[in-house]
Amino acid sequence: MPAHPPDPADRRGDPHGPHMAYAAGIRNPLGVRLGPATTADEVLALVDRLDPGREPGRLTFLVRMGASAVRDRLPELVAKATASGAPAGWVCDPVPDGTPARVLDEIGFFEVHRALGTRPGGVRLELAGSRLGHEQALDLAFAMAELY
């Protein structure tokens, strides 16, 4: 993902709703957020709607589930999407509270992919004064490198 891809709203709506209908017509790569309430059937519907040709690089799921839900909910989503032949990318989008420890808790995301034999696509971090500062971001980068 060389640039921030279009994200069709907060993906809390219907996979067949107007935001997804609009996004389906966009030829750029798309990033779609998945939250803790997202079901495997919704992920499969999103894949069918937004990437019916199963084009590598077309669809990236931005996983924002929280530290506990990522370990409980994500395995089923990744397993079913992978079994469907979807070449989607998976990126952890942790909810930062200003501490690298909190972000690292949520990236149990890497553990899920390791257990499934799939590849994590990376981590999307918000770096701002009210989020992670530059020193915290460096600490986090070194900690994540050990996870790879």
Protein backbone atom coordinates (compact mmCIF):
# COMPACT_ATOMS: atom_id res chain seq x y z
CA MET A 1 0.00 0.00 0.00
CA PRO A 2 2.10 2.94 -1.19
CA ALA A 3 -0.53 5.49 -0.12
CA HIS A 4 -3.55 5.52 2.13
CA PRO A 5 -6.26 3.64 0.19
CA PRO A 6 -9.86 4.80 0.10
CA ASP A 7 -11.75 3.50 3.14
CA PRO A 8 -15.47 3.23 2.41
CA ALA A 9 -16.80 4.71 5.65
CA ASP A 10 -16.35 2.93 8.95
CA ARG A 11 -17.66 -0.35 7.52
CA ARG A 12 -20.30 -0.64 10.22
CA GLY A 13 -23.01 -0.76 7.63
CA ASP A 14 -24.38 -3.29 5.24
CA PRO A 15 -21.81 -4.92 2.92
CA HIS A 16 -24.40 -4.40 0.19
CA GLY A 17 -25.22 -0.81 1.19
CA PRO A 18 -24.50 2.42 -0.69
CA HIS A 19 -20.96 2.96 0.68
CA MET A 20 -19.90 -0.45 -0.55
CA ALA A 21 -21.69 -0.01 -3.88
CA TYR A 22 -19.68 3.18 -4.41
CA ALA A 23 -16.43 1.51 -3.30
CA ALA A 24 -17.01 -1.45 -5.62
CA GLY A 25 -16.76 0.95 -8.56
CA ILE A 26 -13.42 2.40 -7.47
CA ARG A 27 -10.45 0.83 -9.25
CA ASN A 28 -7.88 1.85 -6.62
CA PRO A 29 -6.87 -0.51 -3.84
CA LEU A 30 -9.33 -0.34 -0.95
CA GLY A 31 -8.87 -0.48 2.80
CA VAL A 32 -11.85 -1.65 4.85
CA ARG A 33 -11.93 -1.53 8.64
CA LEU A 34 -13.05 -4.59 10.57
CA GLY A 35 -14.18 -4.20 14.17
CA PRO A 36 -14.83 -6.67 16.99
CA ALA A 37 -18.43 -7.26 15.90
CA THR A 38 -17.50 -8.18 12.31
CA THR A 39 -18.56 -11.70 11.33
CA ALA A 40 -16.93 -14.09 8.88
CA ASP A 41 -20.05 -13.90 6.69
CA GLU A 42 -19.66 -10.11 6.50
CA VAL A 43 -16.00 -10.45 5.51
CA LEU A 44 -16.92 -12.92 2.77
CA ALA A 45 -19.68 -10.60 1.55
CA LEU A 46 -17.18 -7.72 1.46
CA VAL A 47 -14.72 -9.80 -0.54
CA ASP A 48 -17.44 -10.81 -3.01
CA ARG A 49 -18.65 -7.22 -3.36
CA LEU A 50 -15.33 -5.37 -3.46
CA ASP A 51 -12.99 -7.93 -5.02
CA PRO A 52 -15.05 -10.40 -7.07
CA GLY A 53 -12.07 -11.11 -9.35
CA ARG A 54 -9.81 -11.89 -6.37
CA GLU A 55 -7.21 -9.39 -7.57
CA PRO A 56 -4.04 -9.35 -5.41
CA GLY A 57 -3.50 -5.93 -3.86
CA ARG A 58 -7.09 -4.81 -4.34
CA LEU A 59 -8.41 -5.27 -0.80
CA THR A 60 -6.78 -4.68 2.58
CA PHE A 61 -8.59 -5.30 5.84
CA LEU A 62 -7.68 -2.82 8.58
CA VAL A 63 -8.23 -4.75 11.80
CA ARG A 64 -9.27 -2.59 14.76
CA MET A 65 -10.66 -4.98 17.33
CA GLY A 66 -8.99 -4.33 20.66
CA ALA A 67 -6.50 -6.49 22.50
CA SER A 68 -8.85 -9.26 23.62
CA ALA A 69 -11.11 -9.46 20.56
CA VAL A 70 -8.24 -9.69 18.09
CA ARG A 71 -7.24 -13.07 19.54
CA ASP A 72 -10.85 -14.28 19.82
CA ARG A 73 -12.46 -12.97 16.62
CA LEU A 74 -9.69 -12.56 14.05
CA PRO A 75 -8.73 -16.24 13.55
CA GLU A 76 -12.13 -17.14 12.10
CA LEU A 77 -12.18 -14.10 9.80
CA VAL A 78 -8.71 -14.76 8.40
CA ALA A 79 -9.28 -18.51 8.04
CA LYS A 80 -12.57 -18.15 6.16
CA ALA A 81 -11.35 -15.34 3.91
CA THR A 82 -8.21 -17.30 3.06
CA ALA A 83 -10.23 -20.47 2.37
CA SER A 84 -12.43 -18.47 -0.03
CA GLY A 85 -9.38 -17.63 -2.14
CA ALA A 86 -9.40 -13.94 -1.18
CA PRO A 87 -5.89 -12.49 -1.57
CA ALA A 88 -6.68 -9.70 0.90
CA GLY A 89 -4.02 -7.99 2.92
CA TRP A 90 -4.40 -7.84 6.70
CA VAL A 91 -3.16 -4.79 8.60
CA CYS A 92 -3.44 -4.21 12.33
CA ASP A 93 -4.93 -0.78 13.07
CA PRO A 94 -4.57 -0.62 16.86
CA VAL A 95 -6.41 1.95 18.92
CA PRO A 96 -3.53 3.88 20.46
CA ASP A 97 -3.79 5.42 23.88
CA GLY A 98 -0.32 6.90 23.85
CA THR A 99 1.56 3.85 25.13
CA PRO A 100 3.51 1.30 23.10
CA ALA A 101 2.52 -1.43 25.59
CA ARG A 102 -1.18 -0.91 24.81
CA VAL A 103 -0.51 -1.08 21.06
CA LEU A 104 1.61 -4.21 21.45
CA ASP A 105 -1.23 -5.87 23.36
CA GLU A 106 -3.50 -5.38 20.38
CA ILE A 107 -1.03 -6.74 17.92
CA GLY A 108 -1.67 -10.25 19.16
CA PHE A 109 -2.66 -9.90 15.52
CA PHE A 110 0.79 -11.30 14.67
CA GLU A 111 0.19 -14.34 16.88
CA VAL A 112 -3.06 -15.07 15.04
CA HIS A 113 -1.37 -15.00 11.64
CA ARG A 114 1.54 -17.10 12.85
CA ALA A 115 -0.86 -19.75 14.19
CA LEU A 116 -2.81 -19.82 10.90
CA GLY A 117 0.28 -19.84 8.68
CA THR A 118 -0.81 -16.61 7.00
CA ARG A 119 1.14 -13.40 6.58
CA PRO A 120 0.37 -10.22 8.47
CA GLY A 121 0.54 -7.20 6.19
CA GLY A 122 1.75 -4.76 8.80
CA VAL A 123 0.60 -2.20 11.33
CA ARG A 124 -0.99 1.19 10.74
CA LEU A 125 0.06 3.63 13.44
CA GLU A 126 -1.21 7.09 14.15
CA LEU A 127 1.72 9.27 15.10
CA ALA A 128 0.67 12.56 16.63
CA GLY A 129 1.25 14.42 19.86
CA SER A 130 -1.93 12.97 21.36
CA ARG A 131 -1.10 9.46 20.21
CA LEU A 132 2.38 7.98 19.94
CA GLY A 133 5.31 10.35 20.13
CA HIS A 134 8.42 9.84 18.01
CA GLU A 135 10.39 8.08 20.78
CA GLN A 136 7.46 5.79 21.56
CA ALA A 137 7.09 5.03 17.85
CA LEU A 138 10.75 3.99 17.64
CA ASP A 139 10.40 1.77 20.71
CA LEU A 140 7.34 0.21 19.17
CA ALA A 141 9.07 -0.32 15.81
CA PHE A 142 11.89 -2.27 17.47
CA ALA A 143 9.42 -4.36 19.47
CA MET A 144 7.42 -5.15 16.32
CA ALA A 145 10.58 -6.10 14.43
CA GLU A 146 11.06 -8.88 16.95
CA LEU A 147 7.56 -10.14 16.16
CA TYR A 148 8.43 -10.52 12.47
